[in-house]
Amino acid sequence: SSGLLSNILSYISENYGVINSLDEIAAAFGITKYYLCRIFKSSTGMPVFQYINTLKIQKACGMLFNTEKSITDISFECGFTSQMYFCRVFKQHLGMTPSRYRREARESNVRFMKI
């Protein structure tokens, strides 16, 4: 099971920008999505999509800090289907909007992560 979980984590980290459903991940490993959710949460302490969103937000933070790309472009490049959803998830994770994060991170010259 720990080998399976590490394979699942690798798969997610390589594909998080294009994964749209739990069924996709489960099918890649020949397991049910219910089994996937159970082993994932018991091992990591978080649901699968919370983990996926954490990876997306980490990528977004790097892009906000290091590029001049628009928030819309960053949201799509990080695998979000809408800018509004991206902003909501971002604020849930970091307690601020992406534009405020960009401004504060650059002012302090620290790419801080409080996820």
Foldseek 3Di string as FASTA:
>chain_A
DVVVQVVLVVVCLVCLQPDDDLCVSCVVVVHDSVVVQVVNCVVPVDGPVLVSLLSLLLQLLCCLQPHPDDLQVSCNSSNHPGSVVNQVSNCVQPVDGSVVSSVVCNVVVHSDGDD
